[in-house]
Amino acid sequence: KPDILSVVTSDHRHADIVVDGVAAGVQGIYCEKPIATSLADADRMIAAVESRNVPMTINHTRRWSPVYREVKKLLDEGAIGALQRIVLNFGGPRAILFRNGTHMIDMTCFLAGSEPAWVFAELDEGYEDYWPYGGDGGRNADLEPGCSGFIHFKNGVRAFYNGSKGRECRGGYQLDGTDGWMFVHEDYYEIDTGNGIQTIAPKGPTHYYSAAAIRDLVHVMENGGETVSPPRAARSTLEIILGFLASQKHGNVRVDFPLDENTV
């Protein structure tokens, strides 16, 4: 029987495979993002792996990126003081919530260092009544909305999510602290703490992104602990996405967590 199960099916077809894989005795699971498209499915997956202590990682690849890991270390060290605001921008034809937005929202949570408390949002035009998930697993971008959303984290960090199709923008993360700011690109970042802007491109390790995710999973399987991108973190990202949809459905209102998707 296999040691590792790799789940790379459509976004809405992960849950049964994970649950069945755990029942069959796999020792570790590598699952594509998003973890699922409903909280019920995510909870089934988490319950299954936790019931048998099976390590699982969700392929939110930026968690293994040299740039984002160095920026996270600097934030934790207080390089720009206390983080106050995160502003994320990305656009293009694939700027959709579940397939690509999940990457951006997960990294927002990673950088914020906290769980989300509440959200509100406005979906792109033409998706005003989008609930529940109505995509085809990520193939057709027309079946998923882009979004402008606000996330309030429990530690007080506020995040602004701007991910919409049909526009071009300066993509990246603006991070504002009490003593400085950073702007994070995919391969480098800028930082200013009062002495002028520095541009830094971290040197990457031999393995990063998906290759690093697999190495991380194997390490946890052999040594114990938690993966860099655990399923409960991925569930928080999914809850934010669904919270955005729920906010739109009810007139762009504030949606407090935990979200009960059965009453939306």
C-alpha atoms as a PDB file:
ATOM      1  CA  LYS A   1       0.000   0.000   0.000  1.00  0.00           C
ATOM      2  CA  PRO A   2       1.247   3.562  -0.641  1.00  0.00           C
ATOM      3  CA  ASP A   3       2.883   5.586   2.119  1.00  0.00           C
ATOM      4  CA  ILE A   4       1.810   8.970   0.717  1.00  0.00           C
ATOM      5  CA  LEU A   5      -1.450   9.899  -0.969  1.00  0.00           C
ATOM      6  CA  SER A   6      -1.315  12.851  -3.377  1.00  0.00           C
ATOM      7  CA  VAL A   7      -4.711  14.462  -3.951  1.00  0.00           C
ATOM      8  CA  VAL A   8      -4.581  16.585  -7.111  1.00  0.00           C
ATOM      9  CA  THR A   9      -8.175  16.289  -8.288  1.00  0.00           C
ATOM     10  CA  SER A  10     -10.610  19.149  -8.881  1.00  0.00           C
ATOM     11  CA  ASP A  11     -11.090  21.578  -5.993  1.00  0.00           C
ATOM     12  CA  HIS A  12     -14.469  20.150  -4.961  1.00  0.00           C
ATOM     13  CA  ARG A  13     -13.419  16.479  -5.103  1.00  0.00           C
ATOM     14  CA  HIS A  14     -10.815  16.200  -2.331  1.00  0.00           C
ATOM     15  CA  ALA A  15     -12.832  15.093   0.683  1.00  0.00           C
ATOM     16  CA  ASP A  16     -13.872  11.539  -0.193  1.00  0.00           C
ATOM     17  CA  ILE A  17     -10.380  10.710  -1.459  1.00  0.00           C
ATOM     18  CA  VAL A  18      -8.750  11.904   1.761  1.00  0.00           C
ATOM     19  CA  VAL A  19     -11.260  10.112   4.005  1.00  0.00           C
ATOM     20  CA  ASP A  20     -10.936   6.873   2.012  1.00  0.00           C
ATOM     21  CA  GLY A  21      -7.156   7.179   1.951  1.00  0.00           C
ATOM     22  CA  VAL A  22      -6.968   7.442   5.729  1.00  0.00           C
ATOM     23  CA  ALA A  23      -9.247   4.425   6.060  1.00  0.00           C
ATOM     24  CA  ALA A  24      -6.951   2.494   3.703  1.00  0.00           C
ATOM     25  CA  GLY A  25      -3.941   3.206   5.906  1.00  0.00           C
ATOM     26  CA  VAL A  26      -1.889   5.857   4.115  1.00  0.00           C
ATOM     27  CA  GLN A  27       0.787   7.424   6.310  1.00  0.00           C
ATOM     28  CA  GLY A  28       0.788  10.976   4.904  1.00  0.00           C
ATOM     29  CA  ILE A  29      -1.339  13.128   2.595  1.00  0.00           C
ATOM     30  CA  TYR A  30      -0.348  15.880   0.185  1.00  0.00           C
ATOM     31  CA  CYS A  31      -3.487  17.723  -0.921  1.00  0.00           C
ATOM     32  CA  GLU A  32      -3.922  20.446  -3.498  1.00  0.00           C
ATOM     33  CA  LYS A  33      -5.470  23.757  -2.513  1.00  0.00           C
ATOM     34  CA  PRO A  34      -8.064  24.804  -1.600  1.00  0.00           C
ATOM     35  CA  ILE A  35      -8.574  22.117   1.015  1.00  0.00           C
ATOM     36  CA  ALA A  36     -12.220  21.873  -0.094  1.00  0.00           C
ATOM     37  CA  THR A  37     -15.082  24.074  -1.279  1.00  0.00           C
ATOM     38  CA  SER A  38     -17.304  23.621   1.783  1.00  0.00           C
ATOM     39  CA  LEU A  39     -16.540  23.644   5.484  1.00  0.00           C
ATOM     40  CA  ALA A  40     -18.404  20.361   5.868  1.00  0.00           C
ATOM     41  CA  ASP A  41     -15.964  18.655   3.507  1.00  0.00           C
ATOM     42  CA  ALA A  42     -12.972  20.301   5.161  1.00  0.00           C
ATOM     43  CA  ASP A  43     -14.176  19.149   8.570  1.00  0.00           C
ATOM     44  CA  ARG A  44     -14.591  15.571   7.333  1.00  0.00           C
ATOM     45  CA  MET A  45     -11.030  15.589   6.050  1.00  0.00           C
ATOM     46  CA  ILE A  46      -9.594  17.053   9.247  1.00  0.00           C
ATOM     47  CA  ALA A  47     -11.533  14.622  11.430  1.00  0.00           C
ATOM     48  CA  ALA A  48     -10.236  11.694   9.382  1.00  0.00           C
ATOM     49  CA  VAL A  49      -6.539  12.615   9.493  1.00  0.00           C
ATOM     50  CA  GLU A  50      -6.640  13.629  13.157  1.00  0.00           C
ATOM     51  CA  SER A  51      -8.404  10.406  14.159  1.00  0.00           C
ATOM     52  CA  ARG A  52      -5.366   8.399  13.002  1.00  0.00           C
ATOM     53  CA  ASN A  53      -2.668  11.054  13.426  1.00  0.00           C
ATOM     54  CA  VAL A  54      -1.940  11.147   9.692  1.00  0.00           C
ATOM     55  CA  PRO A  55       0.172  14.180   8.714  1.00  0.00           C
ATOM     56  CA  MET A  56      -1.386  16.256   5.959  1.00  0.00           C
ATOM     57  CA  THR A  57      -0.153  19.286   4.052  1.00  0.00           C
ATOM     58  CA  ILE A  58      -2.131  21.614   1.800  1.00  0.00           C
ATOM     59  CA  ASN A  59      -0.229  22.931  -1.211  1.00  0.00           C
ATOM     60  CA  HIS A  60      -0.382  26.647  -0.448  1.00  0.00           C
ATOM     61  CA  THR A  61       3.030  26.955  -2.056  1.00  0.00           C
ATOM     62  CA  ARG A  62       4.012  30.454  -0.907  1.00  0.00           C
ATOM     63  CA  ARG A  63       4.534  29.098   2.608  1.00  0.00           C
ATOM     64  CA  TRP A  64       7.748  27.530   1.273  1.00  0.00           C
ATOM     65  CA  SER A  65       8.851  30.535  -0.803  1.00  0.00           C
ATOM     66  CA  PRO A  66      12.194  32.064   0.262  1.00  0.00           C
ATOM     67  CA  VAL A  67      10.759  35.587  -0.039  1.00  0.00           C
ATOM     68  CA  TYR A  68       7.673  35.017   2.086  1.00  0.00           C
ATOM     69  CA  ARG A  69       9.508  32.995   4.706  1.00  0.00           C
ATOM     70  CA  GLU A  70      12.111  35.734   5.148  1.00  0.00           C
ATOM     71  CA  VAL A  71       9.398  38.407   5.319  1.00  0.00           C
ATOM     72  CA  LYS A  72       7.515  36.379   7.936  1.00  0.00           C
ATOM     73  CA  LYS A  73      10.707  36.054   9.993  1.00  0.00           C
ATOM     74  CA  LEU A  74      11.238  39.820   9.821  1.00  0.00           C
ATOM     75  CA  LEU A  75       7.656  40.469  10.909  1.00  0.00           C
ATOM     76  CA  ASP A  76       8.038  38.111  13.861  1.00  0.00           C
ATOM     77  CA  GLU A  77      11.265  39.892  14.839  1.00  0.00           C
ATOM     78  CA  GLY A  78       9.515  43.276  14.760  1.00  0.00           C
ATOM     79  CA  ALA A  79      11.480  44.680  11.825  1.00  0.00           C
ATOM     80  CA  ILE A  80       8.672  47.145  10.989  1.00  0.00           C
ATOM     81  CA  GLY A  81       7.232  47.266  14.484  1.00  0.00           C
ATOM     82  CA  ALA A  82       3.782  45.847  15.110  1.00  0.00           C
ATOM     83  CA  LEU A  83       2.029  44.851  11.898  1.00  0.00           C
ATOM     84  CA  GLN A  84      -1.108  46.956  11.409  1.00  0.00           C
ATOM     85  CA  ARG A  85      -2.362  46.562   7.829  1.00  0.00           C
ATOM     86  CA  ILE A  86      -2.041  44.179   4.903  1.00  0.00           C
ATOM     87  CA  VAL A  87      -3.168  45.236   1.428  1.00  0.00           C
ATOM     88  CA  LEU A  88      -3.109  42.535  -1.248  1.00  0.00           C
ATOM     89  CA  ASN A  89      -3.535  43.204  -4.961  1.00  0.00           C
ATOM     90  CA  PHE A  90      -3.697  40.729  -7.804  1.00  0.00           C
ATOM     91  CA  GLY A  91      -5.527  40.641 -11.109  1.00  0.00           C
ATOM     92  CA  GLY A  92      -5.728  38.928 -14.461  1.00  0.00           C
ATOM     93  CA  PRO A  93      -8.103  36.324 -15.930  1.00  0.00           C
ATOM     94  CA  ARG A  94      -7.450  33.783 -13.144  1.00  0.00           C
ATOM     95  CA  ALA A  95      -8.018  36.138 -10.206  1.00  0.00           C
ATOM     96  CA  ILE A  96     -10.750  33.915  -8.779  1.00  0.00           C
ATOM     97  CA  LEU A  97     -11.437  33.100  -5.150  1.00  0.00           C
ATOM     98  CA  PHE A  98     -11.187  29.338  -4.837  1.00  0.00           C
ATOM     99  CA  ARG A  99      -8.526  28.371  -7.357  1.00  0.00           C
ATOM    100  CA  ASN A 100      -5.998  31.222  -6.988  1.00  0.00           C
ATOM    101  CA  GLY A 101      -7.437  33.476  -4.317  1.00  0.00           C
ATOM    102  CA  THR A 102      -6.892  30.670  -1.807  1.00  0.00           C
ATOM    103  CA  HIS A 103      -3.118  31.142  -2.254  1.00  0.00           C
ATOM    104  CA  MET A 104      -3.352  34.861  -1.594  1.00  0.00           C
ATOM    105  CA  ILE A 105      -5.688  34.610   1.384  1.00  0.00           C
ATOM    106  CA  ASP A 106      -3.642  31.841   2.980  1.00  0.00           C
ATOM    107  CA  MET A 107      -0.506  33.967   2.753  1.00  0.00           C
ATOM    108  CA  THR A 108      -2.411  36.918   4.200  1.00  0.00           C
ATOM    109  CA  CYS A 109      -3.263  34.742   7.218  1.00  0.00           C
ATOM    110  CA  PHE A 110       0.326  33.482   7.434  1.00  0.00           C
ATOM    111  CA  LEU A 111       1.701  37.013   7.499  1.00  0.00           C
ATOM    112  CA  ALA A 112      -0.974  38.299   9.891  1.00  0.00           C
ATOM    113  CA  GLY A 113      -0.072  35.571  12.374  1.00  0.00           C
ATOM    114  CA  SER A 114      -3.615  35.280  13.672  1.00  0.00           C
ATOM    115  CA  GLU A 115      -6.998  33.720  13.065  1.00  0.00           C
ATOM    116  CA  PRO A 116      -9.719  35.701  11.265  1.00  0.00           C
ATOM    117  CA  ALA A 117     -12.491  37.154  13.430  1.00  0.00           C
ATOM    118  CA  TRP A 118     -14.851  38.609  10.820  1.00  0.00           C
ATOM    119  CA  VAL A 119     -15.079  39.711   7.185  1.00  0.00           C
ATOM    120  CA  PHE A 120     -17.161  41.634   4.705  1.00  0.00           C
ATOM    121  CA  ALA A 121     -16.904  41.730   0.930  1.00  0.00           C
ATOM    122  CA  GLU A 122     -18.251  42.657  -2.482  1.00  0.00           C
ATOM    123  CA  LEU A 123     -17.918  40.135  -5.303  1.00  0.00           C
ATOM    124  CA  ASP A 124     -17.220  41.118  -8.894  1.00  0.00           C
ATOM    125  CA  GLU A 125     -20.152  42.277 -10.993  1.00  0.00           C
ATOM    126  CA  GLY A 126     -22.295  39.437 -12.268  1.00  0.00           C
ATOM    127  CA  TYR A 127     -21.769  37.250  -9.182  1.00  0.00           C
ATOM    128  CA  GLU A 128     -24.104  39.011  -6.762  1.00  0.00           C
ATOM    129  CA  ASP A 129     -26.024  35.807  -5.937  1.00  0.00           C
ATOM    130  CA  TYR A 130     -23.056  33.431  -5.856  1.00  0.00           C
ATOM    131  CA  TRP A 131     -23.712  30.893  -3.099  1.00  0.00           C
ATOM    132  CA  PRO A 132     -22.764  28.066  -2.682  1.00  0.00           C
ATOM    133  CA  TYR A 133     -19.657  27.128  -4.670  1.00  0.00           C
ATOM    134  CA  GLY A 134     -20.631  26.824  -8.324  1.00  0.00           C
ATOM    135  CA  GLY A 135     -17.324  26.135 -10.029  1.00  0.00           C
ATOM    136  CA  ASP A 136     -16.052  23.134 -11.946  1.00  0.00           C
ATOM    137  CA  GLY A 137     -12.965  22.538  -9.861  1.00  0.00           C
ATOM    138  CA  GLY A 138     -10.973  25.458 -11.219  1.00  0.00           C
ATOM    139  CA  ARG A 139     -10.953  24.818 -14.949  1.00  0.00           C
ATOM    140  CA  ASN A 140     -13.344  27.543 -16.110  1.00  0.00           C
ATOM    141  CA  ALA A 141     -12.553  30.868 -14.440  1.00  0.00           C
ATOM    142  CA  ASP A 142     -15.925  32.275 -15.523  1.00  0.00           C
ATOM    143  CA  LEU A 143     -17.582  30.011 -12.947  1.00  0.00           C
ATOM    144  CA  GLU A 144     -15.887  31.680  -9.972  1.00  0.00           C
ATOM    145  CA  PRO A 145     -15.946  35.300  -8.774  1.00  0.00           C
ATOM    146  CA  GLY A 146     -13.211  37.724  -7.985  1.00  0.00           C
ATOM    147  CA  CYS A 147     -13.684  39.848  -4.912  1.00  0.00           C
ATOM    148  CA  SER A 148     -12.871  42.938  -2.893  1.00  0.00           C
ATOM    149  CA  GLY A 149     -12.872  41.949   0.761  1.00  0.00           C
ATOM    150  CA  PHE A 150     -11.898  43.003   4.255  1.00  0.00           C
ATOM    151  CA  ILE A 151     -10.531  40.655   6.942  1.00  0.00           C
ATOM    152  CA  HIS A 152     -10.308  41.597  10.615  1.00  0.00           C
ATOM    153  CA  PHE A 153      -7.940  39.296  12.503  1.00  0.00           C
ATOM    154  CA  LYS A 154      -8.166  38.476  16.197  1.00  0.00           C
ATOM    155  CA  ASN A 155      -4.841  40.196  16.898  1.00  0.00           C
ATOM    156  CA  GLY A 156      -6.138  43.459  15.423  1.00  0.00           C
ATOM    157  CA  VAL A 157      -4.426  43.262  12.028  1.00  0.00           C
ATOM    158  CA  ARG A 158      -6.687  44.466   9.217  1.00  0.00           C
ATOM    159  CA  ALA A 159      -6.330  43.088   5.701  1.00  0.00           C
ATOM    160  CA  PHE A 160      -7.732  44.356   2.412  1.00  0.00           C
ATOM    161  CA  TYR A 161      -8.081  41.752  -0.347  1.00  0.00           C
ATOM    162  CA  ASN A 162      -8.314  43.010  -3.935  1.00  0.00           C
ATOM    163  CA  GLY A 163      -8.437  40.103  -6.383  1.00  0.00           C
ATOM    164  CA  SER A 164     -10.556  40.684  -9.461  1.00  0.00           C
ATOM    165  CA  LYS A 165     -10.618  39.548 -13.061  1.00  0.00           C
ATOM    166  CA  GLY A 166     -10.489  42.060 -15.905  1.00  0.00           C
ATOM    167  CA  ARG A 167      -7.931  44.445 -14.418  1.00  0.00           C
ATOM    168  CA  GLU A 168      -4.197  44.869 -14.242  1.00  0.00           C
ATOM    169  CA  CYS A 169      -2.431  46.076 -11.129  1.00  0.00           C
ATOM    170  CA  ARG A 170       0.809  46.151  -9.208  1.00  0.00           C
ATOM    171  CA  GLY A 171       0.526  42.729  -7.643  1.00  0.00           C
ATOM    172  CA  GLY A 172       1.856  41.978  -4.189  1.00  0.00           C
ATOM    173  CA  TYR A 173       1.438  42.581  -0.478  1.00  0.00           C
ATOM    174  CA  GLN A 174       1.754  45.980   1.183  1.00  0.00           C
ATOM    175  CA  LEU A 175       2.600  45.481   4.867  1.00  0.00           C
ATOM    176  CA  ASP A 176       2.327  48.523   7.136  1.00  0.00           C
ATOM    177  CA  GLY A 177       3.758  48.481  10.658  1.00  0.00           C
ATOM    178  CA  THR A 178       4.154  50.968  13.465  1.00  0.00           C
ATOM    179  CA  ASP A 179       7.840  51.523  12.576  1.00  0.00           C
ATOM    180  CA  GLY A 180       8.040  50.914   8.837  1.00  0.00           C
ATOM    181  CA  TRP A 181       6.616  49.121   5.822  1.00  0.00           C
ATOM    182  CA  MET A 182       7.358  46.346   3.355  1.00  0.00           C
ATOM    183  CA  PHE A 183       6.094  45.531  -0.120  1.00  0.00           C
ATOM    184  CA  VAL A 184       6.374  41.877  -1.061  1.00  0.00           C
ATOM    185  CA  HIS A 185       6.757  40.725  -4.657  1.00  0.00           C
ATOM    186  CA  GLU A 186       7.088  37.096  -5.725  1.00  0.00           C
ATOM    187  CA  ASP A 187      10.899  37.145  -5.968  1.00  0.00           C
ATOM    188  CA  TYR A 188      11.942  40.091  -3.798  1.00  0.00           C
ATOM    189  CA  TYR A 189      10.689  42.581  -1.250  1.00  0.00           C
ATOM    190  CA  GLU A 190      11.154  46.244  -0.417  1.00  0.00           C
ATOM    191  CA  ILE A 191      11.500  47.509   3.140  1.00  0.00           C
ATOM    192  CA  ASP A 192      11.703  50.992   4.645  1.00  0.00           C
ATOM    193  CA  THR A 193      12.149  51.580   8.368  1.00  0.00           C
ATOM    194  CA  GLY A 194      13.027  55.252   8.057  1.00  0.00           C
ATOM    195  CA  ASN A 195      16.477  55.010   6.469  1.00  0.00           C
ATOM    196  CA  GLY A 196      15.433  54.701   2.841  1.00  0.00           C
ATOM    197  CA  ILE A 197      13.995  51.884   0.763  1.00  0.00           C
ATOM    198  CA  GLN A 198      16.017  48.679   0.543  1.00  0.00           C
ATOM    199  CA  THR A 199      15.297  46.067  -2.130  1.00  0.00           C
ATOM    200  CA  ILE A 200      16.181  42.511  -1.103  1.00  0.00           C
ATOM    201  CA  ALA A 201      16.020  39.269  -3.115  1.00  0.00           C
ATOM    202  CA  PRO A 202      16.585  36.327  -0.728  1.00  0.00           C
ATOM    203  CA  LYS A 203      18.621  33.411  -1.973  1.00  0.00           C
ATOM    204  CA  GLY A 204      16.417  30.365  -2.242  1.00  0.00           C
ATOM    205  CA  PRO A 205      17.178  26.887  -0.917  1.00  0.00           C
ATOM    206  CA  THR A 206      17.604  23.954  -3.252  1.00  0.00           C
ATOM    207  CA  HIS A 207      13.997  22.910  -2.672  1.00  0.00           C
ATOM    208  CA  TYR A 208      11.008  25.214  -2.382  1.00  0.00           C
ATOM    209  CA  TYR A 209       7.359  25.424  -3.415  1.00  0.00           C
ATOM    210  CA  SER A 210       5.843  21.945  -4.074  1.00  0.00           C
ATOM    211  CA  ALA A 211       9.133  20.085  -3.737  1.00  0.00           C
ATOM    212  CA  ALA A 212       9.634  21.639  -0.317  1.00  0.00           C
ATOM    213  CA  ALA A 213       6.050  20.751   0.624  1.00  0.00           C
ATOM    214  CA  ILE A 214       6.742  17.073  -0.020  1.00  0.00           C
ATOM    215  CA  ARG A 215      10.019  17.179   1.919  1.00  0.00           C
ATOM    216  CA  ASP A 216       8.192  18.869   4.795  1.00  0.00           C
ATOM    217  CA  LEU A 217       5.502  16.180   4.775  1.00  0.00           C
ATOM    218  CA  VAL A 218       8.065  13.363   4.789  1.00  0.00           C
ATOM    219  CA  HIS A 219       9.952  15.042   7.640  1.00  0.00           C
ATOM    220  CA  VAL A 220       6.785  15.210   9.759  1.00  0.00           C
ATOM    221  CA  MET A 221       5.914  11.602   8.906  1.00  0.00           C
ATOM    222  CA  GLU A 222       9.339  10.492  10.138  1.00  0.00           C
ATOM    223  CA  ASN A 223       9.800  12.854  13.088  1.00  0.00           C
ATOM    224  CA  GLY A 224       6.355  14.002  14.179  1.00  0.00           C
ATOM    225  CA  GLY A 225       5.073  17.534  14.554  1.00  0.00           C
ATOM    226  CA  GLU A 226       2.945  19.654  12.230  1.00  0.00           C
ATOM    227  CA  THR A 227       3.429  20.504   8.568  1.00  0.00           C
ATOM    228  CA  VAL A 228       4.145  24.068   7.465  1.00  0.00           C
ATOM    229  CA  SER A 229       0.730  24.186   5.769  1.00  0.00           C
ATOM    230  CA  PRO A 230      -1.599  22.156   8.007  1.00  0.00           C
ATOM    231  CA  PRO A 231      -5.247  21.443   7.188  1.00  0.00           C
ATOM    232  CA  ARG A 232      -6.667  23.609   9.980  1.00  0.00           C
ATOM    233  CA  ALA A 233      -4.864  26.635   8.558  1.00  0.00           C
ATOM    234  CA  ALA A 234      -6.310  25.806   5.139  1.00  0.00           C
ATOM    235  CA  ARG A 235      -9.750  25.575   6.724  1.00  0.00           C
ATOM    236  CA  SER A 236      -9.369  29.146   8.024  1.00  0.00           C
ATOM    237  CA  THR A 237      -8.591  30.282   4.486  1.00  0.00           C
ATOM    238  CA  LEU A 238     -11.674  28.489   3.180  1.00  0.00           C
ATOM    239  CA  GLU A 239     -13.806  30.052   5.921  1.00  0.00           C
ATOM    240  CA  ILE A 240     -12.688  33.504   4.773  1.00  0.00           C
ATOM    241  CA  ILE A 241     -13.591  32.703   1.155  1.00  0.00           C
ATOM    242  CA  LEU A 242     -17.015  31.430   2.155  1.00  0.00           C
ATOM    243  CA  GLY A 243     -17.418  34.393   4.493  1.00  0.00           C
ATOM    244  CA  PHE A 244     -16.876  36.705   1.517  1.00  0.00           C
ATOM    245  CA  LEU A 245     -19.621  34.884  -0.396  1.00  0.00           C
ATOM    246  CA  ALA A 246     -21.966  35.031   2.606  1.00  0.00           C
ATOM    247  CA  SER A 247     -21.337  38.755   3.023  1.00  0.00           C
ATOM    248  CA  GLN A 248     -22.270  39.411  -0.594  1.00  0.00           C
ATOM    249  CA  LYS A 249     -25.384  37.277  -0.365  1.00  0.00           C
ATOM    250  CA  HIS A 250     -26.711  39.272   2.576  1.00  0.00           C
ATOM    251  CA  GLY A 251     -25.983  42.731   1.190  1.00  0.00           C
ATOM    252  CA  ASN A 252     -22.238  43.053   1.856  1.00  0.00           C
ATOM    253  CA  VAL A 253     -22.688  42.807   5.613  1.00  0.00           C
ATOM    254  CA  ARG A 254     -20.153  41.920   8.285  1.00  0.00           C
ATOM    255  CA  VAL A 255     -19.929  38.156   8.789  1.00  0.00           C
ATOM    256  CA  ASP A 256     -18.627  36.979  12.161  1.00  0.00           C
ATOM    257  CA  PHE A 257     -16.787  33.705  12.618  1.00  0.00           C
ATOM    258  CA  PRO A 258     -17.260  30.863  13.193  1.00  0.00           C
ATOM    259  CA  LEU A 259     -19.316  30.698  10.007  1.00  0.00           C
ATOM    260  CA  ASP A 260     -22.316  28.356   9.926  1.00  0.00           C
ATOM    261  CA  GLU A 261     -22.589  27.612   6.225  1.00  0.00           C
ATOM    262  CA  ASN A 262     -25.905  25.823   6.785  1.00  0.00           C
ATOM    263  CA  THR A 263     -27.626  29.089   7.708  1.00  0.00           C
ATOM    264  CA  VAL A 264     -26.199  31.347   4.977  1.00  0.00           C
END
